C-alpha atoms as a PDB file:
ATOM      1  CA  MET A   1      -0.432   6.862  11.724  1.00  0.00           C
ATOM      2  CA  ILE A   2      -2.175   7.455   8.405  1.00  0.00           C
ATOM      3  CA  LYS A   3       0.419   9.831   6.931  1.00  0.00           C
ATOM      4  CA  PRO A   4       3.336   7.351   7.044  1.00  0.00           C
ATOM      5  CA  SER A   5       1.100   4.702   5.468  1.00  0.00           C
ATOM      6  CA  ILE A   6       0.149   7.047   2.640  1.00  0.00           C
ATOM      7  CA  ALA A   7       3.776   8.108   2.194  1.00  0.00           C
ATOM      8  CA  ILE A   8       4.928   4.494   1.914  1.00  0.00           C
ATOM      9  CA  MET A   9       2.217   3.688  -0.649  1.00  0.00           C
ATOM     10  CA  VAL A  10       3.010   6.747  -2.765  1.00  0.00           C
ATOM     11  CA  PHE A  11       6.759   6.099  -2.546  1.00  0.00           C
ATOM     12  CA  TRP A  12       6.196   2.540  -3.732  1.00  0.00           C
ATOM     13  CA  LYS A  13       3.872   3.761  -6.492  1.00  0.00           C
ATOM     14  CA  TYR A  14       6.437   6.133  -8.010  1.00  0.00           C
ATOM     15  CA  THR A  15       9.624   4.145  -7.370  1.00  0.00           C
ATOM     16  CA  GLY A  16       9.152   1.694 -10.235  1.00  0.00           C
ATOM     17  CA  PHE A  17       7.997   4.386 -12.658  1.00  0.00           C
ATOM     18  CA  ASN A  18      10.994   6.592 -11.897  1.00  0.00           C
ATOM     19  CA  ILE A  19      13.479   3.702 -12.026  1.00  0.00           C
ATOM     20  CA  VAL A  20      12.240   2.813 -15.510  1.00  0.00           C
ATOM     21  CA  LEU A  21      12.632   6.452 -16.590  1.00  0.00           C
ATOM     22  CA  TYR A  22      16.153   6.813 -15.184  1.00  0.00           C
ATOM     23  CA  THR A  23      17.254   3.460 -16.591  1.00  0.00           C
ATOM     24  CA  THR A  24      15.946   4.450 -20.005  1.00  0.00           C
ATOM     25  CA  GLY A  25      17.775   7.759 -19.744  1.00  0.00           C
ATOM     26  CA  LEU A  26      21.046   6.063 -18.834  1.00  0.00           C
ATOM     27  CA  MET A  27      20.645   3.639 -21.738  1.00  0.00           C
ATOM     28  CA  THR A  28      20.377   6.548 -24.206  1.00  0.00           C
ATOM     29  CA  ILE A  29      23.879   7.814 -23.367  1.00  0.00           C
ATOM     30  CA  PRO A  30      26.218   6.857 -26.221  1.00  0.00           C
ATOM     31  CA  LYS A  31      28.862   4.362 -25.084  1.00  0.00           C
ATOM     32  CA  GLU A  32      31.463   6.187 -27.199  1.00  0.00           C
ATOM     33  CA  ILE A  33      31.201   9.310 -25.052  1.00  0.00           C
ATOM     34  CA  LEU A  34      31.683   7.360 -21.831  1.00  0.00           C
ATOM     35  CA  GLU A  35      34.560   5.399 -23.355  1.00  0.00           C
ATOM     36  CA  ALA A  36      36.241   8.608 -24.551  1.00  0.00           C
ATOM     37  CA  ALA A  37      35.969  10.079 -21.056  1.00  0.00           C
ATOM     38  CA  ARG A  38      37.406   6.886 -19.594  1.00  0.00           C
ATOM     39  CA  MET A  39      40.318   7.060 -22.058  1.00  0.00           C
ATOM     40  CA  ASP A  40      40.900  10.701 -21.091  1.00  0.00           C
ATOM     41  CA  GLY A  41      41.312   9.596 -17.479  1.00  0.00           C
ATOM     42  CA  ALA A  42      37.959  10.597 -15.977  1.00  0.00           C
ATOM     43  CA  ASN A  43      37.013   8.474 -12.990  1.00  0.00           C
ATOM     44  CA  ALA A  44      33.511   7.050 -12.520  1.00  0.00           C
ATOM     45  CA  TRP A  45      32.405   9.960 -10.333  1.00  0.00           C
ATOM     46  CA  ARG A  46      33.539  12.567 -12.911  1.00  0.00           C
ATOM     47  CA  ARG A  47      31.888  10.640 -15.761  1.00  0.00           C
ATOM     48  CA  PHE A  48      28.617  10.556 -13.854  1.00  0.00           C
ATOM     49  CA  TRP A  49      28.599  14.261 -12.900  1.00  0.00           C
ATOM     50  CA  SER A  50      29.981  15.607 -16.186  1.00  0.00           C
ATOM     51  CA  ILE A  51      28.424  13.268 -18.750  1.00  0.00           C
ATOM     52  CA  SER A  52      25.634  11.036 -17.459  1.00  0.00           C
ATOM     53  CA  LEU A  53      23.760  13.495 -15.254  1.00  0.00           C
ATOM     54  CA  PRO A  54      23.593  16.317 -17.844  1.00  0.00           C
ATOM     55  CA  MET A  55      22.487  13.881 -20.540  1.00  0.00           C
ATOM     56  CA  ILE A  56      19.615  12.450 -18.496  1.00  0.00           C
ATOM     57  CA  ARG A  57      18.456  15.925 -17.460  1.00  0.00           C
ATOM     58  CA  PRO A  58      15.241  15.718 -19.578  1.00  0.00           C
ATOM     59  CA  PHE A  59      14.376  12.384 -17.937  1.00  0.00           C
ATOM     60  CA  ILE A  60      14.931  13.876 -14.482  1.00  0.00           C
ATOM     61  CA  PHE A  61      12.758  16.860 -15.428  1.00  0.00           C
ATOM     62  CA  PHE A  62       9.944  14.593 -16.596  1.00  0.00           C
ATOM     63  CA  ALA A  63      10.151  12.307 -13.544  1.00  0.00           C
ATOM     64  CA  VAL A  64      10.184  15.183 -11.051  1.00  0.00           C
ATOM     65  CA  THR A  65       7.352  17.004 -12.821  1.00  0.00           C
ATOM     66  CA  MET A  66       5.141  13.914 -13.059  1.00  0.00           C
ATOM     67  CA  THR A  67       5.823  12.992  -9.423  1.00  0.00           C
ATOM     68  CA  ILE A  68       4.906  16.480  -8.200  1.00  0.00           C
ATOM     69  CA  ILE A  69       1.735  16.554 -10.300  1.00  0.00           C
ATOM     70  CA  GLY A  70       0.788  13.063  -9.123  1.00  0.00           C
ATOM     71  CA  ASN A  71       1.314  13.995  -5.489  1.00  0.00           C
ATOM     72  CA  LEU A  72      -0.767  17.151  -5.817  1.00  0.00           C
ATOM     73  CA  GLN A  73      -3.574  15.066  -7.319  1.00  0.00           C
ATOM     74  CA  LEU A  74      -3.259  12.345  -4.671  1.00  0.00           C
ATOM     75  CA  PHE A  75      -6.654  10.744  -4.139  1.00  0.00           C
ATOM     76  CA  GLU A  76      -6.797   6.949  -4.273  1.00  0.00           C
ATOM     77  CA  GLU A  77      -4.331   6.033  -1.526  1.00  0.00           C
ATOM     78  CA  PRO A  78      -5.755   8.208   1.277  1.00  0.00           C
ATOM     79  CA  PHE A  79      -9.328   7.543   0.128  1.00  0.00           C
ATOM     80  CA  VAL A  80      -8.860   3.784   0.352  1.00  0.00           C
ATOM     81  CA  LEU A  81      -6.865   3.862   3.593  1.00  0.00           C
ATOM     82  CA  THR A  82      -9.301   6.189   5.379  1.00  0.00           C
ATOM     83  CA  ARG A  83     -12.469   4.774   3.758  1.00  0.00           C
ATOM     84  CA  GLY A  84     -13.203   8.212   2.338  1.00  0.00           C
ATOM     85  CA  THR A  85     -13.349   9.954   5.706  1.00  0.00           C
ATOM     86  CA  GLY A  86      -9.937  11.609   5.694  1.00  0.00           C
ATOM     87  CA  GLY A  87      -8.859   9.752   8.807  1.00  0.00           C
ATOM     88  CA  THR A  88      -8.809  10.841  12.428  1.00  0.00           C
ATOM     89  CA  GLY A  89      -8.996  14.618  12.584  1.00  0.00           C
ATOM     90  CA  GLN A  90      -8.940  14.756   8.772  1.00  0.00           C
ATOM     91  CA  SER A  91      -5.178  14.020   8.922  1.00  0.00           C
ATOM     92  CA  GLY A  92      -5.256  12.129   5.620  1.00  0.00           C
ATOM     93  CA  LEU A  93      -7.393  14.633   3.726  1.00  0.00           C
ATOM     94  CA  THR A  94      -5.768  15.807   0.481  1.00  0.00           C
ATOM     95  CA  ILE A  95      -6.798  18.543  -1.927  1.00  0.00           C
ATOM     96  CA  SER A  96      -8.354  16.011  -4.283  1.00  0.00           C
ATOM     97  CA  MET A  97     -10.247  14.287  -1.472  1.00  0.00           C
ATOM     98  CA  TYR A  98     -11.554  17.632  -0.262  1.00  0.00           C
ATOM     99  CA  LEU A  99     -12.603  18.442  -3.826  1.00  0.00           C
ATOM    100  CA  TYR A 100     -14.461  15.124  -3.977  1.00  0.00           C
ATOM    101  CA  LYS A 101     -16.214  15.782  -0.650  1.00  0.00           C
ATOM    102  CA  VAL A 102     -17.263  19.298  -1.634  1.00  0.00           C
ATOM    103  CA  GLY A 103     -18.518  18.269  -5.060  1.00  0.00           C
ATOM    104  CA  TRP A 104     -20.088  14.866  -4.503  1.00  0.00           C
ATOM    105  CA  GLU A 105     -20.966  14.664  -0.815  1.00  0.00           C
ATOM    106  CA  TRP A 106     -21.949  18.264  -0.116  1.00  0.00           C
ATOM    107  CA  LEU A 107     -23.113  18.925  -3.729  1.00  0.00           C
ATOM    108  CA  GLU A 108     -21.486  22.357  -3.866  1.00  0.00           C
ATOM    109  CA  MET A 109     -20.396  22.227  -7.485  1.00  0.00           C
ATOM    110  CA  GLY A 110     -19.403  25.896  -7.710  1.00  0.00           C
ATOM    111  CA  THR A 111     -17.022  25.570  -4.780  1.00  0.00           C
ATOM    112  CA  ALA A 112     -15.687  22.291  -6.166  1.00  0.00           C
ATOM    113  CA  SER A 113     -15.078  23.975  -9.507  1.00  0.00           C
ATOM    114  CA  ALA A 114     -13.190  26.806  -7.807  1.00  0.00           C
ATOM    115  CA  ILE A 115     -11.070  24.299  -5.873  1.00  0.00           C
ATOM    116  CA  SER A 116     -10.270  22.421  -9.077  1.00  0.00           C
ATOM    117  CA  TRP A 117      -9.172  25.661 -10.748  1.00  0.00           C
ATOM    118  CA  LEU A 118      -6.957  26.455  -7.761  1.00  0.00           C
ATOM    119  CA  LEU A 119      -5.472  22.969  -7.991  1.00  0.00           C
ATOM    120  CA  PHE A 120      -4.852  23.500 -11.709  1.00  0.00           C
ATOM    121  CA  THR A 121      -3.158  26.843 -10.964  1.00  0.00           C
ATOM    122  CA  LEU A 122      -0.980  25.235  -8.295  1.00  0.00           C
ATOM    123  CA  ILE A 123       0.059  22.449 -10.674  1.00  0.00           C
ATOM    124  CA  ALA A 124       0.787  24.981 -13.437  1.00  0.00           C
ATOM    125  CA  ALA A 125       2.902  27.065 -11.025  1.00  0.00           C
ATOM    126  CA  CYS A 126       4.873  24.010  -9.891  1.00  0.00           C
ATOM    127  CA  THR A 127       5.442  23.006 -13.507  1.00  0.00           C
ATOM    128  CA  ALA A 128       6.609  26.547 -14.338  1.00  0.00           C
ATOM    129  CA  VAL A 129       9.111  26.376 -11.476  1.00  0.00           C
ATOM    130  CA  GLN A 130      10.318  23.030 -12.830  1.00  0.00           C
ATOM    131  CA  PHE A 131      10.763  24.579 -16.281  1.00  0.00           C
ATOM    132  CA  PHE A 132      12.732  27.414 -14.686  1.00  0.00           C
ATOM    133  CA  PHE A 133      15.153  25.045 -12.946  1.00  0.00           C
ATOM    134  CA  PHE A 134      15.336  22.212 -15.502  1.00  0.00           C
ATOM    135  CA  GLY A 135      13.962  23.538 -18.770  1.00  0.00           C
ATOM    136  CA  LYS A 136      16.648  26.075 -19.681  1.00  0.00           C
ATOM    137  CA  LYS A 137      19.110  23.462 -20.828  1.00  0.00           C
ATOM    138  CA  GLY A 138      18.118  20.819 -23.300  1.00  0.00           C
ATOM    139  CA  LEU A 139      19.368  17.343 -24.060  1.00  0.00           C
ATOM    140  CA  GLY A 140      22.759  17.161 -22.392  1.00  0.00           C
ATOM    141  CA  GLU A 141      23.658  20.816 -22.876  1.00  0.00           C
ATOM    142  CA  GLN A 142      25.865  22.424 -20.251  1.00  0.00           C
END
């Protein structure tokens, strides 16, 4: 039952942050562009898909990238919920918690360093994939 609890906490943690980002992105869209599309006969759905979504693309990129990085570095929520044990059968153990256990409980600093470098490589790879899918087109370009 620990995984749903962690998922709910993490969802709640990132919901407000991402809503602020998306709201800010939507507020940066010039009203003139939306009004011109409305005058040209575009319905709300077409305005969203053709104007709003491409123009908030950098905000989406940032939100997705930060959420992925934050989830890969997940430590506090499972640590607090499982009291640092990882839960029954280590079901709540994350990469960061394992890194903490190896480095500070088992005092194997070399192994902990290797794990941290692997975590860094994984985060860099995920960010590179995000750049591949989102980074090709800039601010509102189609």
